[in-house]
Each structure stands twice: as structure tokens, then as C-alpha cells.
């Protein structure tokens, strides 16, 4: 992934998806927005204590940077689950989706920017360049253990006829195993959900583990049939990079949200 800029927005751009040439996508940083401390400055999360006018202003900055309008930037109310919103027809109003409780958005509609907000959790972007469908998924530990990456791929296959081997995926920056210590209940959920615990967690003390969310989601994508050469990742840890990213755990909950976004051109 490469750090780049569109308009005022600094963002990480996954090169695999960019080379396909049919979508705009990326993972935002915290910089170049209008929010004040401690949400400074490009806070895109509505579920924070930041002023709603600042969040809307930041979302407008993001939308304009990619040639679309605020009302065509679609987000949902994320609840750390695995339910998905599918938008497969034009809609006169997308704003009502903001109250819908789910953790991923899929669309085949051009000009609609779909996004998930994160501040430790991993954002995942999917692109089918053949069927021209995109998805944005929110994968915290609960969503990862529950297989939201698998469910996203399965939805593209069942609803749009995608071939998993055609899919391109980008797993964006989240909290790294260097900073993410979890306990027994998290381990239990991974094991119950067949969430590749042994491959992505290292025990550091009695009943505590360092969890690699990015690696876990790559494993789930491969399990769903996505080719490894079609998955792009980054080793950036949001908790380690305070000047660039928000982190809920690092900032003890008083922080903003970056966004993983994608839009068919």
C-alpha cells in the first residue's frame, strides 16, 4: 500500500485494487480535517463525542476528494457482528442506512462510496473487477471470529455470481499484535467460530495472548477461496502511529475514527 493524497485527504491506497482501474478506494488517516482535540482532525466516526457538524464536514471533505457527494457516502451503525447491507439498486436517499445495524456494505452501484469506520478494528475492502461489485467490511475481534470476511466473499458469490479467484482484497491498518493483548473469552470465541486461533495468536502470559487481526482475516479470506496473491496488507499498527491514526485502545476510548472506503467509478 502507498500513502497518497486526493484533494485534502491523505490515505493509504491498496495498489492491487487501484491497478484494476474501476474503483476509488483507500484507508484514511487522521489528518487534514476540521475536528478539534481529541478528535483531531479527520474524524469520520459518527459514534463519537465529536460535534456532528465536524463529522459531517469531514465526511464531505472525503466525498468531494473523490468526486462524489456527501449523500452518496454510505455508512451503517456498526455493532461488531457479521450482518451485511447489500445495495443493488439505485436509491433516492442513502442517509437512512446510517442507523442500520450491520458491519459490512456491498454494492454494484457506481458512484456510491461505501465505508466502515475503525479505530483499532481492521477494515477490509473487496473488489470483483469482473462482476463490478465492491464491499467494505468492519472486522474487530468479534467479527473476525464470526467470519465476516468469509461471509462477505460468500455474499458476492451467491448474490452477484462472483468467482472467489477473481476477487481482490485489501486488509487495512488496525491495531497490531505488538499492542493488542486479549484474554480467554476472545480465544474461546475464535475457537468456537473456527477463527484460526493457532495461526494468529501468541501466548505471552498465563491466559493472555497477542492477537494479529490482520493475519486472522487474511486466513479467513483464503479459506473463502480468495487467492493469496490477490490479498494486500499493511504492517502499520494504528496504536503505534499516533500522528497518523486514531486508536481506541491507545487513547482509552476518547478518539476519532478513520475509514476504509471504496467506490465503483
C-alpha atoms as a PDB file:
ATOM      1  CA  UNK A   1       0.000   0.000   0.000  1.00  0.00           C
ATOM      2  CA  UNK A   2       1.127   3.540  -0.685  1.00  0.00           C
ATOM      3  CA  UNK A   3       0.366   6.752   1.173  1.00  0.00           C
ATOM      4  CA  UNK A   4      -1.146   9.196  -1.285  1.00  0.00           C
ATOM      5  CA  UNK A   5      -3.433  12.226  -1.405  1.00  0.00           C
ATOM      6  CA  UNK A   6      -6.698  13.210  -3.095  1.00  0.00           C
ATOM      7  CA  UNK A   7      -7.833  16.762  -2.505  1.00  0.00           C
ATOM      8  CA  UNK A   8      -7.057  17.378   1.161  1.00  0.00           C
ATOM      9  CA  UNK A   9      -7.334  13.720   2.138  1.00  0.00           C
ATOM     10  CA  UNK A  10      -4.210  11.704   2.960  1.00  0.00           C
ATOM     11  CA  UNK A  11      -4.900   7.989   2.681  1.00  0.00           C
ATOM     12  CA  UNK A  12      -3.322   4.574   2.175  1.00  0.00           C
ATOM     13  CA  UNK A  13      -4.147   3.202  -1.265  1.00  0.00           C
ATOM     14  CA  UNK A  14      -4.077  -0.561  -1.915  1.00  0.00           C
ATOM     15  CA  UNK A  15      -2.237  -0.978  -5.191  1.00  0.00           C
ATOM     16  CA  UNK A  16      -3.872  -4.277  -6.155  1.00  0.00           C
ATOM     17  CA  UNK A  17      -7.279  -2.637  -6.270  1.00  0.00           C
ATOM     18  CA  UNK A  18      -6.016   0.600  -7.806  1.00  0.00           C
ATOM     19  CA  UNK A  19      -4.453  -1.264 -10.735  1.00  0.00           C
ATOM     20  CA  UNK A  20      -7.830  -2.729 -11.655  1.00  0.00           C
ATOM     21  CA  UNK A  21      -8.774   0.816 -12.645  1.00  0.00           C
ATOM     22  CA  UNK A  22     -12.525   0.661 -11.981  1.00  0.00           C
ATOM     23  CA  UNK A  23     -12.778   1.937  -8.403  1.00  0.00           C
ATOM     24  CA  UNK A  24     -11.510   4.515  -5.946  1.00  0.00           C
ATOM     25  CA  UNK A  25     -10.556   3.146  -2.536  1.00  0.00           C
ATOM     26  CA  UNK A  26      -8.344   3.570   0.470  1.00  0.00           C
ATOM     27  CA  UNK A  27      -7.855   3.830   4.192  1.00  0.00           C
ATOM     28  CA  UNK A  28      -7.929   7.353   5.599  1.00  0.00           C
ATOM     29  CA  UNK A  29      -5.553   8.850   8.143  1.00  0.00           C
ATOM     30  CA  UNK A  30      -6.495  11.226  10.938  1.00  0.00           C
ATOM     31  CA  UNK A  31      -5.087  14.314   9.180  1.00  0.00           C
ATOM     32  CA  UNK A  32      -6.495  17.298   7.229  1.00  0.00           C
ATOM     33  CA  UNK A  33      -9.976  17.517   8.751  1.00  0.00           C
ATOM     34  CA  UNK A  34     -11.872  20.033  10.876  1.00  0.00           C
ATOM     35  CA  UNK A  35     -12.362  18.210  14.197  1.00  0.00           C
ATOM     36  CA  UNK A  36     -10.713  19.528  17.344  1.00  0.00           C
ATOM     37  CA  UNK A  37      -8.709  17.717  20.020  1.00  0.00           C
ATOM     38  CA  UNK A  38      -9.016  14.834  20.907  1.00  0.00           C
ATOM     39  CA  UNK A  39     -10.764  14.032  17.616  1.00  0.00           C
ATOM     40  CA  UNK A  40      -8.305  15.982  15.505  1.00  0.00           C
ATOM     41  CA  UNK A  41      -8.697  16.201  12.742  1.00  0.00           C
ATOM     42  CA  UNK A  42     -10.279  13.977  10.056  1.00  0.00           C
ATOM     43  CA  UNK A  43     -12.650  12.125  12.378  1.00  0.00           C
ATOM     44  CA  UNK A  44     -15.180  10.258  10.229  1.00  0.00           C
ATOM     45  CA  UNK A  45     -16.962   8.405  13.017  1.00  0.00           C
ATOM     46  CA  UNK A  46     -20.493   9.431  13.948  1.00  0.00           C
ATOM     47  CA  UNK A  47     -20.485   7.300  17.110  1.00  0.00           C
ATOM     48  CA  UNK A  48     -18.054   9.575  18.962  1.00  0.00           C
ATOM     49  CA  UNK A  49     -18.454  12.606  21.221  1.00  0.00           C
ATOM     50  CA  UNK A  50     -17.183  14.843  18.443  1.00  0.00           C
ATOM     51  CA  UNK A  51     -19.530  17.551  17.177  1.00  0.00           C
ATOM     52  CA  UNK A  52     -21.816  16.128  14.470  1.00  0.00           C
ATOM     53  CA  UNK A  53     -21.151  19.201  12.349  1.00  0.00           C
ATOM     54  CA  UNK A  54     -17.425  18.401  12.380  1.00  0.00           C
ATOM     55  CA  UNK A  55     -18.003  14.770  11.443  1.00  0.00           C
ATOM     56  CA  UNK A  56     -20.305  15.780   8.594  1.00  0.00           C
ATOM     57  CA  UNK A  57     -17.746  18.338   7.470  1.00  0.00           C
ATOM     58  CA  UNK A  58     -15.034  15.692   7.429  1.00  0.00           C
ATOM     59  CA  UNK A  59     -17.228  13.259   5.506  1.00  0.00           C
ATOM     60  CA  UNK A  60     -17.949  15.979   2.977  1.00  0.00           C
ATOM     61  CA  UNK A  61     -14.209  16.553   2.571  1.00  0.00           C
ATOM     62  CA  UNK A  62     -13.723  12.835   1.859  1.00  0.00           C
ATOM     63  CA  UNK A  63     -16.625  12.621  -0.598  1.00  0.00           C
ATOM     64  CA  UNK A  64     -15.536  15.728  -2.527  1.00  0.00           C
ATOM     65  CA  UNK A  65     -11.957  14.472  -2.750  1.00  0.00           C
ATOM     66  CA  UNK A  66     -13.211  11.566  -4.866  1.00  0.00           C
ATOM     67  CA  UNK A  67     -15.751  13.459  -6.940  1.00  0.00           C
ATOM     68  CA  UNK A  68     -18.923  12.413  -5.151  1.00  0.00           C
ATOM     69  CA  UNK A  69     -21.398  13.986  -2.733  1.00  0.00           C
ATOM     70  CA  UNK A  70     -21.894  13.585   0.999  1.00  0.00           C
ATOM     71  CA  UNK A  71     -25.299  11.976   0.487  1.00  0.00           C
ATOM     72  CA  UNK A  72     -23.635   9.234  -1.569  1.00  0.00           C
ATOM     73  CA  UNK A  73     -21.206   8.282   1.200  1.00  0.00           C
ATOM     74  CA  UNK A  74     -22.905   5.282   2.831  1.00  0.00           C
ATOM     75  CA  UNK A  75     -22.072   4.040   6.320  1.00  0.00           C
ATOM     76  CA  UNK A  76     -24.007   1.967   8.852  1.00  0.00           C
ATOM     77  CA  UNK A  77     -24.291   1.584  12.623  1.00  0.00           C
ATOM     78  CA  UNK A  78     -21.551  -0.951  13.351  1.00  0.00           C
ATOM     79  CA  UNK A  79     -22.225  -3.449  16.143  1.00  0.00           C
ATOM     80  CA  UNK A  80     -19.277  -5.900  15.897  1.00  0.00           C
ATOM     81  CA  UNK A  81     -21.393  -8.507  14.150  1.00  0.00           C
ATOM     82  CA  UNK A  82     -21.365 -10.146  10.719  1.00  0.00           C
ATOM     83  CA  UNK A  83     -24.565  -8.856   9.078  1.00  0.00           C
ATOM     84  CA  UNK A  84     -24.203  -7.154   5.698  1.00  0.00           C
ATOM     85  CA  UNK A  85     -26.105  -4.430   3.860  1.00  0.00           C
ATOM     86  CA  UNK A  86     -26.497  -5.026   0.123  1.00  0.00           C
ATOM     87  CA  UNK A  87     -27.262  -2.094  -2.181  1.00  0.00           C
ATOM     88  CA  UNK A  88     -28.032  -3.430  -5.652  1.00  0.00           C
ATOM     89  CA  UNK A  89     -30.452  -0.808  -6.995  1.00  0.00           C
ATOM     90  CA  UNK A  90     -30.372   2.996  -7.193  1.00  0.00           C
ATOM     91  CA  UNK A  91     -31.796   4.654  -4.088  1.00  0.00           C
ATOM     92  CA  UNK A  92     -33.178   8.183  -3.811  1.00  0.00           C
ATOM     93  CA  UNK A  93     -31.845   8.519  -0.259  1.00  0.00           C
ATOM     94  CA  UNK A  94     -28.937   6.664   1.322  1.00  0.00           C
ATOM     95  CA  UNK A  95     -28.823   8.537   4.632  1.00  0.00           C
ATOM     96  CA  UNK A  96     -31.289   6.218   6.386  1.00  0.00           C
ATOM     97  CA  UNK A  97     -28.771   3.368   6.165  1.00  0.00           C
ATOM     98  CA  UNK A  98     -26.681   5.087   8.862  1.00  0.00           C
ATOM     99  CA  UNK A  99     -28.997   3.700  11.550  1.00  0.00           C
ATOM    100  CA  UNK A 100     -28.994   0.153  10.178  1.00  0.00           C
ATOM    101  CA  UNK A 101     -27.100  -2.202  12.498  1.00  0.00           C
ATOM    102  CA  UNK A 102     -24.609  -4.247  10.497  1.00  0.00           C
ATOM    103  CA  UNK A 103     -20.867  -4.419   9.826  1.00  0.00           C
ATOM    104  CA  UNK A 104     -20.407  -4.535   6.097  1.00  0.00           C
ATOM    105  CA  UNK A 105     -21.745  -2.957   2.923  1.00  0.00           C
ATOM    106  CA  UNK A 106     -21.796  -4.451  -0.574  1.00  0.00           C
ATOM    107  CA  UNK A 107     -22.807  -2.600  -3.731  1.00  0.00           C
ATOM    108  CA  UNK A 108     -22.712  -2.826  -7.510  1.00  0.00           C
ATOM    109  CA  UNK A 109     -23.900   0.769  -7.896  1.00  0.00           C
ATOM    110  CA  UNK A 110     -21.326   3.166  -9.398  1.00  0.00           C
ATOM    111  CA  UNK A 111     -20.800   6.489  -7.668  1.00  0.00           C
ATOM    112  CA  UNK A 112     -21.806   5.154  -4.243  1.00  0.00           C
ATOM    113  CA  UNK A 113     -18.954   5.315  -1.731  1.00  0.00           C
ATOM    114  CA  UNK A 114     -19.327   2.655   0.965  1.00  0.00           C
ATOM    115  CA  UNK A 115     -17.249   2.823   4.112  1.00  0.00           C
ATOM    116  CA  UNK A 116     -16.583   1.340   7.534  1.00  0.00           C
ATOM    117  CA  UNK A 117     -15.204   3.304  10.474  1.00  0.00           C
ATOM    118  CA  UNK A 118     -12.389   1.906  12.612  1.00  0.00           C
ATOM    119  CA  UNK A 119     -10.036   2.898  15.404  1.00  0.00           C
ATOM    120  CA  UNK A 120      -8.298  -0.456  16.118  1.00  0.00           C
ATOM    121  CA  UNK A 121     -10.509  -2.897  14.219  1.00  0.00           C
ATOM    122  CA  UNK A 122      -9.427  -3.979  10.757  1.00  0.00           C
ATOM    123  CA  UNK A 123     -11.140  -2.544   7.656  1.00  0.00           C
ATOM    124  CA  UNK A 124     -11.397  -4.919   4.691  1.00  0.00           C
ATOM    125  CA  UNK A 125     -12.124  -3.896   1.106  1.00  0.00           C
ATOM    126  CA  UNK A 126     -13.218  -6.323  -1.602  1.00  0.00           C
ATOM    127  CA  UNK A 127     -13.391  -5.728  -5.350  1.00  0.00           C
ATOM    128  CA  UNK A 128     -14.672  -8.020  -8.074  1.00  0.00           C
ATOM    129  CA  UNK A 129     -13.311  -6.438 -11.279  1.00  0.00           C
ATOM    130  CA  UNK A 130     -15.248  -8.933 -13.419  1.00  0.00           C
ATOM    131  CA  UNK A 131     -18.753  -8.549 -11.967  1.00  0.00           C
ATOM    132  CA  UNK A 132     -18.015  -4.963 -10.861  1.00  0.00           C
ATOM    133  CA  UNK A 133     -19.036  -5.265  -7.228  1.00  0.00           C
ATOM    134  CA  UNK A 134     -17.332  -3.836  -4.131  1.00  0.00           C
ATOM    135  CA  UNK A 135     -17.568  -4.334  -0.376  1.00  0.00           C
ATOM    136  CA  UNK A 136     -16.338  -2.675   2.799  1.00  0.00           C
ATOM    137  CA  UNK A 137     -16.201  -4.833   5.949  1.00  0.00           C
ATOM    138  CA  UNK A 138     -15.576  -3.988   9.618  1.00  0.00           C
ATOM    139  CA  UNK A 139     -13.580  -6.718  11.368  1.00  0.00           C
ATOM    140  CA  UNK A 140     -12.910  -6.375  15.074  1.00  0.00           C
ATOM    141  CA  UNK A 141     -12.129  -9.493  17.058  1.00  0.00           C
ATOM    142  CA  UNK A 142     -15.808 -10.463  17.225  1.00  0.00           C
ATOM    143  CA  UNK A 143     -16.394 -10.001  13.514  1.00  0.00           C
ATOM    144  CA  UNK A 144     -13.149 -11.789  12.695  1.00  0.00           C
ATOM    145  CA  UNK A 145     -14.007 -14.749  14.921  1.00  0.00           C
ATOM    146  CA  UNK A 146     -17.500 -14.807  13.416  1.00  0.00           C
ATOM    147  CA  UNK A 147     -16.110 -14.892   9.887  1.00  0.00           C
ATOM    148  CA  UNK A 148     -17.264 -11.586   8.411  1.00  0.00           C
ATOM    149  CA  UNK A 149     -14.556 -11.867   5.733  1.00  0.00           C
ATOM    150  CA  UNK A 150     -15.912 -15.270   4.712  1.00  0.00           C
ATOM    151  CA  UNK A 151     -19.489 -14.007   4.740  1.00  0.00           C
ATOM    152  CA  UNK A 152     -18.515 -11.048   2.584  1.00  0.00           C
ATOM    153  CA  UNK A 153     -16.985 -13.317  -0.047  1.00  0.00           C
ATOM    154  CA  UNK A 154     -19.921 -15.729   0.127  1.00  0.00           C
ATOM    155  CA  UNK A 155     -22.370 -12.859  -0.396  1.00  0.00           C
ATOM    156  CA  UNK A 156     -20.529 -11.742  -3.535  1.00  0.00           C
ATOM    157  CA  UNK A 157     -20.635 -15.303  -4.847  1.00  0.00           C
ATOM    158  CA  UNK A 158     -24.290 -16.015  -4.045  1.00  0.00           C
ATOM    159  CA  UNK A 159     -25.782 -12.613  -4.914  1.00  0.00           C
ATOM    160  CA  UNK A 160     -23.623 -11.430  -7.810  1.00  0.00           C
ATOM    161  CA  UNK A 161     -22.105 -14.615  -9.226  1.00  0.00           C
ATOM    162  CA  UNK A 162     -18.549 -13.723  -8.267  1.00  0.00           C
ATOM    163  CA  UNK A 163     -15.747 -16.246  -8.587  1.00  0.00           C
ATOM    164  CA  UNK A 164     -13.602 -16.036  -5.413  1.00  0.00           C
ATOM    165  CA  UNK A 165     -10.459 -16.423  -7.511  1.00  0.00           C
ATOM    166  CA  UNK A 166     -11.325 -13.145  -9.288  1.00  0.00           C
ATOM    167  CA  UNK A 167     -11.678 -11.148  -6.072  1.00  0.00           C
ATOM    168  CA  UNK A 168      -9.142  -8.566  -4.966  1.00  0.00           C
ATOM    169  CA  UNK A 169      -8.892  -7.815  -1.242  1.00  0.00           C
ATOM    170  CA  UNK A 170      -7.157  -5.231   0.905  1.00  0.00           C
ATOM    171  CA  UNK A 171      -6.814  -5.562   4.678  1.00  0.00           C
ATOM    172  CA  UNK A 172      -6.185  -2.087   6.052  1.00  0.00           C
ATOM    173  CA  UNK A 173      -4.372  -0.818   9.121  1.00  0.00           C
ATOM    174  CA  UNK A 174      -5.639  -1.873  12.532  1.00  0.00           C
ATOM    175  CA  UNK A 175      -4.100  -2.498  15.917  1.00  0.00           C
ATOM    176  CA  UNK A 176      -1.106  -4.816  15.572  1.00  0.00           C
ATOM    177  CA  UNK A 177      -0.138  -7.801  17.706  1.00  0.00           C
ATOM    178  CA  UNK A 178       2.527  -5.573  19.236  1.00  0.00           C
ATOM    179  CA  UNK A 179      -0.221  -3.636  21.032  1.00  0.00           C
ATOM    180  CA  UNK A 180      -3.219  -5.979  21.097  1.00  0.00           C
ATOM    181  CA  UNK A 181      -3.412  -8.251  24.126  1.00  0.00           C
ATOM    182  CA  UNK A 182      -6.564 -10.343  24.567  1.00  0.00           C
ATOM    183  CA  UNK A 183      -7.874 -12.824  27.109  1.00  0.00           C
ATOM    184  CA  UNK A 184      -9.553 -16.211  27.376  1.00  0.00           C
ATOM    185  CA  UNK A 185     -13.074 -15.211  26.260  1.00  0.00           C
ATOM    186  CA  UNK A 186     -11.649 -13.891  22.972  1.00  0.00           C
ATOM    187  CA  UNK A 187      -9.763 -17.154  22.462  1.00  0.00           C
ATOM    188  CA  UNK A 188     -12.932 -19.130  23.166  1.00  0.00           C
ATOM    189  CA  UNK A 189     -14.903 -17.201  20.541  1.00  0.00           C
ATOM    190  CA  UNK A 190     -12.191 -17.771  17.938  1.00  0.00           C
ATOM    191  CA  UNK A 191     -12.100 -21.478  18.618  1.00  0.00           C
ATOM    192  CA  UNK A 192     -15.904 -21.716  18.575  1.00  0.00           C
ATOM    193  CA  UNK A 193     -16.055 -19.807  15.309  1.00  0.00           C
ATOM    194  CA  UNK A 194     -13.157 -21.720  13.737  1.00  0.00           C
ATOM    195  CA  UNK A 195     -11.288 -18.441  13.603  1.00  0.00           C
ATOM    196  CA  UNK A 196      -7.741 -19.747  13.004  1.00  0.00           C
ATOM    197  CA  UNK A 197      -6.605 -19.073  16.565  1.00  0.00           C
ATOM    198  CA  UNK A 198      -3.352 -21.016  16.451  1.00  0.00           C
ATOM    199  CA  UNK A 199      -2.200 -19.206  13.302  1.00  0.00           C
ATOM    200  CA  UNK A 200      -2.845 -15.674  14.555  1.00  0.00           C
ATOM    201  CA  UNK A 201      -2.293 -15.609  18.335  1.00  0.00           C
ATOM    202  CA  UNK A 202       0.815 -15.976  20.505  1.00  0.00           C
ATOM    203  CA  UNK A 203       0.548 -16.629  24.230  1.00  0.00           C
ATOM    204  CA  UNK A 204       2.507 -14.061  26.241  1.00  0.00           C
ATOM    205  CA  UNK A 205       1.446 -14.889  29.804  1.00  0.00           C
ATOM    206  CA  UNK A 206      -0.991 -17.079  31.662  1.00  0.00           C
ATOM    207  CA  UNK A 207      -4.306 -16.792  29.769  1.00  0.00           C
ATOM    208  CA  UNK A 208      -3.286 -13.735  27.695  1.00  0.00           C
ATOM    209  CA  UNK A 209      -2.367 -13.647  24.031  1.00  0.00           C
ATOM    210  CA  UNK A 210      -1.119 -11.222  21.369  1.00  0.00           C
ATOM    211  CA  UNK A 211      -3.671 -11.314  18.550  1.00  0.00           C
ATOM    212  CA  UNK A 212      -2.874 -10.489  14.923  1.00  0.00           C
ATOM    213  CA  UNK A 213      -6.206  -9.344  13.460  1.00  0.00           C
ATOM    214  CA  UNK A 214      -4.767  -8.711  10.017  1.00  0.00           C
ATOM    215  CA  UNK A 215      -3.301 -12.188   9.726  1.00  0.00           C
ATOM    216  CA  UNK A 216      -6.527 -13.745  11.009  1.00  0.00           C
ATOM    217  CA  UNK A 217      -8.572 -12.010   8.328  1.00  0.00           C
ATOM    218  CA  UNK A 218      -6.134 -12.947   5.585  1.00  0.00           C
ATOM    219  CA  UNK A 219      -6.558 -16.550   6.739  1.00  0.00           C
ATOM    220  CA  UNK A 220     -10.359 -16.229   6.537  1.00  0.00           C
ATOM    221  CA  UNK A 221     -10.173 -14.697   3.048  1.00  0.00           C
ATOM    222  CA  UNK A 222      -8.016 -17.586   1.826  1.00  0.00           C
ATOM    223  CA  UNK A 223     -10.431 -20.008   3.452  1.00  0.00           C
ATOM    224  CA  UNK A 224     -13.206 -18.404   1.388  1.00  0.00           C
ATOM    225  CA  UNK A 225     -11.300 -19.008  -1.845  1.00  0.00           C
ATOM    226  CA  UNK A 226      -9.511 -15.685  -2.426  1.00  0.00           C
ATOM    227  CA  UNK A 227      -6.022 -16.208  -3.879  1.00  0.00           C
ATOM    228  CA  UNK A 228      -3.126 -15.152  -1.642  1.00  0.00           C
ATOM    229  CA  UNK A 229      -1.608 -13.099  -4.453  1.00  0.00           C
ATOM    230  CA  UNK A 230      -4.888 -11.158  -4.587  1.00  0.00           C
ATOM    231  CA  UNK A 231      -4.725 -10.051  -0.944  1.00  0.00           C
ATOM    232  CA  UNK A 232      -2.841  -6.885   0.023  1.00  0.00           C
ATOM    233  CA  UNK A 233      -1.976  -5.990   3.614  1.00  0.00           C
ATOM    234  CA  UNK A 234      -0.023  -3.438   5.625  1.00  0.00           C
ATOM    235  CA  UNK A 235       2.093  -3.883   8.733  1.00  0.00           C
ATOM    236  CA  UNK A 236       1.201  -0.439  10.092  1.00  0.00           C
ATOM    237  CA  UNK A 237      -0.176  -0.565  13.647  1.00  0.00           C
ATOM    238  CA  UNK A 238      -2.631   2.234  14.404  1.00  0.00           C
ATOM    239  CA  UNK A 239      -1.735   2.240  18.102  1.00  0.00           C
ATOM    240  CA  UNK A 240       1.972   2.716  17.340  1.00  0.00           C
ATOM    241  CA  UNK A 241       1.374   5.537  14.847  1.00  0.00           C
ATOM    242  CA  UNK A 242      -0.367   8.247  16.855  1.00  0.00           C
ATOM    243  CA  UNK A 243       0.428  11.041  14.392  1.00  0.00           C
ATOM    244  CA  UNK A 244      -1.261   9.138  11.566  1.00  0.00           C
ATOM    245  CA  UNK A 245      -4.117   7.063  13.003  1.00  0.00           C
ATOM    246  CA  UNK A 246      -6.753   7.014  15.711  1.00  0.00           C
ATOM    247  CA  UNK A 247      -6.627   4.133  18.221  1.00  0.00           C
ATOM    248  CA  UNK A 248      -9.417   3.398  20.674  1.00  0.00           C
ATOM    249  CA  UNK A 249      -7.249   1.300  22.980  1.00  0.00           C
ATOM    250  CA  UNK A 250      -4.264   3.668  22.961  1.00  0.00           C
ATOM    251  CA  UNK A 251      -6.423   6.728  23.601  1.00  0.00           C
ATOM    252  CA  UNK A 252      -8.679   4.996  26.161  1.00  0.00           C
ATOM    253  CA  UNK A 253     -11.819   5.496  24.089  1.00  0.00           C
ATOM    254  CA  UNK A 254     -11.519   9.252  23.617  1.00  0.00           C
ATOM    255  CA  UNK A 255     -10.621   9.339  19.959  1.00  0.00           C
ATOM    256  CA  UNK A 256     -11.916   9.593  16.410  1.00  0.00           C
ATOM    257  CA  UNK A 257     -12.337   7.078  13.597  1.00  0.00           C
ATOM    258  CA  UNK A 258     -10.618   6.571  10.264  1.00  0.00           C
ATOM    259  CA  UNK A 259     -12.452   4.903   7.396  1.00  0.00           C
ATOM    260  CA  UNK A 260     -11.922   2.154   4.879  1.00  0.00           C
ATOM    261  CA  UNK A 261     -13.839   3.206   1.756  1.00  0.00           C
ATOM    262  CA  UNK A 262     -14.419   2.027  -1.798  1.00  0.00           C
ATOM    263  CA  UNK A 263     -16.492   3.304  -4.730  1.00  0.00           C
ATOM    264  CA  UNK A 264     -17.054   1.987  -8.237  1.00  0.00           C
ATOM    265  CA  UNK A 265     -16.256   4.656 -10.790  1.00  0.00           C
END
